[in-house]
Structure formats: C-alpha cells, structure tokens
Amino acid sequence: MEHLGFKGMKEHIVSETIVTPDDWASRDIYKGAVFNLAHGLDQMLWRRPQNKFEELDRLYLVGGGTHPGSGLPTILESGRISAKMICADMGIEPDWNGADPWFEDLRRPRMKTRAS
C-alpha cells in the first residue's frame, strides 16, 4: 500500500486474522471450498450454472457459484448479468447512467412488453 502512496499504513493496523481451509470447513463450507463449485477449468465461466434457472420461471441465480464465476469482480458481474435479465423479463429498460449495459457483439435477451 505504501508503494501506492498510502503512507504510515503499518502503524494503523491493530489486528490480523488468518483464516485457513480448516476454519472455513468448521463453518459448514464443504471441505473448505470457498469457490462454491470446483475451481477448475471444467467449472469456470460459461460452464457454471447460468443466471436464469431453466426449470422454474422467474428464478434467477447470482453469486460465486453461477456464471461467470468466483472472486469479487466476477461475483459482481454475476449480479449485473442477473439484474439485466430481470429487467429484460419485466420489460424495463433501466438508465445505467447513460451507458449501454450490453456488449455490442452479444445477443441481448428479448425484452418482454410491460402490461399496462
């Protein structure tokens, strides 16, 4: 942090917590796996469960166990993907601060029309 310009950080640290896989396992996290599914190439990105549950209507999934994967940036992206799908299914075109929330080269979900 000091290399980034935050001076004197060390003097402000009052405690340190170290969490091991055994600690996670003692909290009912299966074998200490914090990444939900196995964190292998066969269960990453598009190979994870998708954000819209296929078997039940209007059930959406979000989090590290869903597409696109685990880790804070991808968990946040999972939330954004699910939010966009929910909006599309409800016929809502949200204002994302003037930015188009969809990538130009990807197929967008079909917008349902809102009942008046």
Protein backbone atom coordinates (compact mmCIF):
# COMPACT_ATOMS: atom_id res chain seq x y z
CA MET A 1 0.00 0.00 0.00
CA GLU A 2 2.86 2.37 0.74
CA HIS A 3 4.12 1.89 -2.81
CA LEU A 4 0.75 3.27 -3.93
CA GLY A 5 1.15 6.41 -1.86
CA PHE A 6 -0.62 5.39 1.36
CA LYS A 7 1.99 6.33 3.96
CA GLY A 8 2.00 5.07 7.54
CA MET A 9 -0.45 2.22 6.96
CA LYS A 10 1.51 -0.23 9.11
CA GLU A 11 1.07 1.95 12.20
CA HIS A 12 -2.73 1.83 11.82
CA ILE A 13 -3.07 -1.97 11.77
CA VAL A 14 -4.42 -3.11 15.15
CA SER A 15 -5.13 -6.79 14.48
CA GLU A 16 -4.65 -9.54 11.95
CA THR A 17 -6.89 -12.51 11.24
CA ILE A 18 -5.67 -15.56 9.37
CA VAL A 19 -8.33 -17.92 8.01
CA THR A 20 -7.32 -21.40 6.84
CA PRO A 21 -9.32 -24.00 4.88
CA ASP A 22 -9.92 -25.80 8.20
CA ASP A 23 -11.53 -22.63 9.57
CA TRP A 24 -13.86 -22.47 6.56
CA ALA A 25 -14.70 -26.17 6.89
CA SER A 26 -15.68 -25.65 10.54
CA ARG A 27 -18.28 -23.13 9.29
CA ASP A 28 -20.10 -25.76 7.17
CA ILE A 29 -18.31 -24.83 3.95
CA TYR A 30 -17.79 -28.18 2.24
CA LYS A 31 -14.12 -29.17 2.55
CA GLY A 32 -13.18 -25.50 2.92
CA ALA A 33 -14.22 -24.75 -0.69
CA VAL A 34 -14.94 -21.01 -0.79
CA PHE A 35 -15.40 -21.04 -4.58
CA ASN A 36 -18.71 -22.97 -4.43
CA LEU A 37 -18.05 -25.40 -7.26
CA ALA A 38 -14.65 -26.85 -8.02
CA HIS A 39 -12.37 -24.10 -9.22
CA GLY A 40 -11.22 -26.00 -12.30
CA LEU A 41 -11.41 -25.18 -15.99
CA ASP A 42 -14.35 -27.57 -16.35
CA GLN A 43 -16.47 -25.41 -13.99
CA MET A 44 -15.48 -21.85 -14.85
CA LEU A 45 -17.07 -19.02 -16.87
CA TRP A 46 -19.83 -20.31 -19.21
CA ARG A 47 -19.56 -23.81 -17.71
CA ARG A 48 -21.03 -22.64 -14.39
CA PRO A 49 -24.78 -22.70 -13.77
CA GLN A 50 -26.38 -19.89 -15.73
CA ASN A 51 -28.01 -16.89 -14.07
CA LYS A 52 -31.56 -17.78 -15.05
CA PHE A 53 -32.85 -21.02 -13.59
CA GLU A 54 -34.17 -23.04 -16.52
CA GLU A 55 -36.55 -25.34 -14.64
CA LEU A 56 -38.54 -22.61 -12.84
CA ASP A 57 -39.92 -19.40 -14.28
CA ARG A 58 -38.75 -16.13 -12.70
CA LEU A 59 -35.97 -17.69 -10.63
CA TYR A 60 -32.58 -16.08 -11.07
CA LEU A 61 -29.25 -17.09 -9.57
CA VAL A 62 -26.40 -14.84 -8.55
CA GLY A 63 -23.07 -15.31 -6.79
CA GLY A 64 -19.79 -17.15 -6.97
CA GLY A 65 -21.45 -20.47 -7.85
CA THR A 66 -23.02 -19.06 -11.02
CA HIS A 67 -21.78 -17.65 -14.30
CA PRO A 68 -19.24 -16.10 -14.70
CA GLY A 69 -17.53 -17.47 -11.57
CA SER A 70 -15.99 -16.80 -8.21
CA GLY A 71 -13.94 -13.88 -6.99
CA LEU A 72 -15.30 -10.45 -6.18
CA PRO A 73 -15.20 -8.93 -9.71
CA THR A 74 -16.96 -11.91 -11.28
CA ILE A 75 -19.48 -12.17 -8.43
CA LEU A 76 -20.36 -8.50 -9.03
CA GLU A 77 -20.65 -9.25 -12.76
CA SER A 78 -22.95 -12.17 -11.92
CA GLY A 79 -25.22 -9.71 -10.11
CA ARG A 80 -25.15 -7.33 -13.06
CA ILE A 81 -25.99 -10.13 -15.51
CA SER A 82 -28.92 -11.28 -13.36
CA ALA A 83 -30.17 -7.69 -12.91
CA LYS A 84 -30.14 -7.14 -16.69
CA MET A 85 -32.04 -10.42 -17.25
CA ILE A 86 -34.65 -9.50 -14.65
CA CYS A 87 -35.11 -6.05 -16.21
CA ALA A 88 -35.46 -7.59 -19.68
CA ASP A 89 -38.03 -10.12 -18.43
CA MET A 90 -40.02 -7.34 -16.76
CA GLY A 91 -39.89 -5.12 -19.85
CA ILE A 92 -37.82 -2.48 -18.06
CA GLU A 93 -35.08 -0.57 -19.85
CA PRO A 94 -33.11 0.93 -16.97
CA ASP A 95 -30.99 4.02 -17.21
CA TRP A 96 -27.45 2.81 -16.48
CA ASN A 97 -26.05 6.34 -16.15
CA GLY A 98 -26.34 6.84 -19.88
CA ALA A 99 -24.24 3.75 -20.69
CA ASP A 100 -25.48 0.83 -22.74
CA PRO A 101 -25.24 -2.17 -20.38
CA TRP A 102 -24.94 -4.69 -23.18
CA PHE A 103 -21.89 -5.65 -25.18
CA GLU A 104 -22.43 -4.84 -28.86
CA ASP A 105 -21.33 -8.24 -30.15
CA LEU A 106 -23.55 -10.33 -27.83
CA ARG A 107 -27.16 -11.29 -28.26
CA ARG A 108 -29.43 -9.39 -25.90
CA PRO A 109 -32.32 -11.09 -24.12
CA ARG A 110 -35.68 -10.49 -25.70
CA MET A 111 -37.46 -7.67 -23.90
CA LYS A 112 -40.95 -8.58 -22.76
CA THR A 113 -43.58 -5.89 -23.10
CA ARG A 114 -44.95 -4.47 -19.87
CA ALA A 115 -48.65 -4.86 -19.23
CA SER A 116 -50.37 -1.52 -18.84
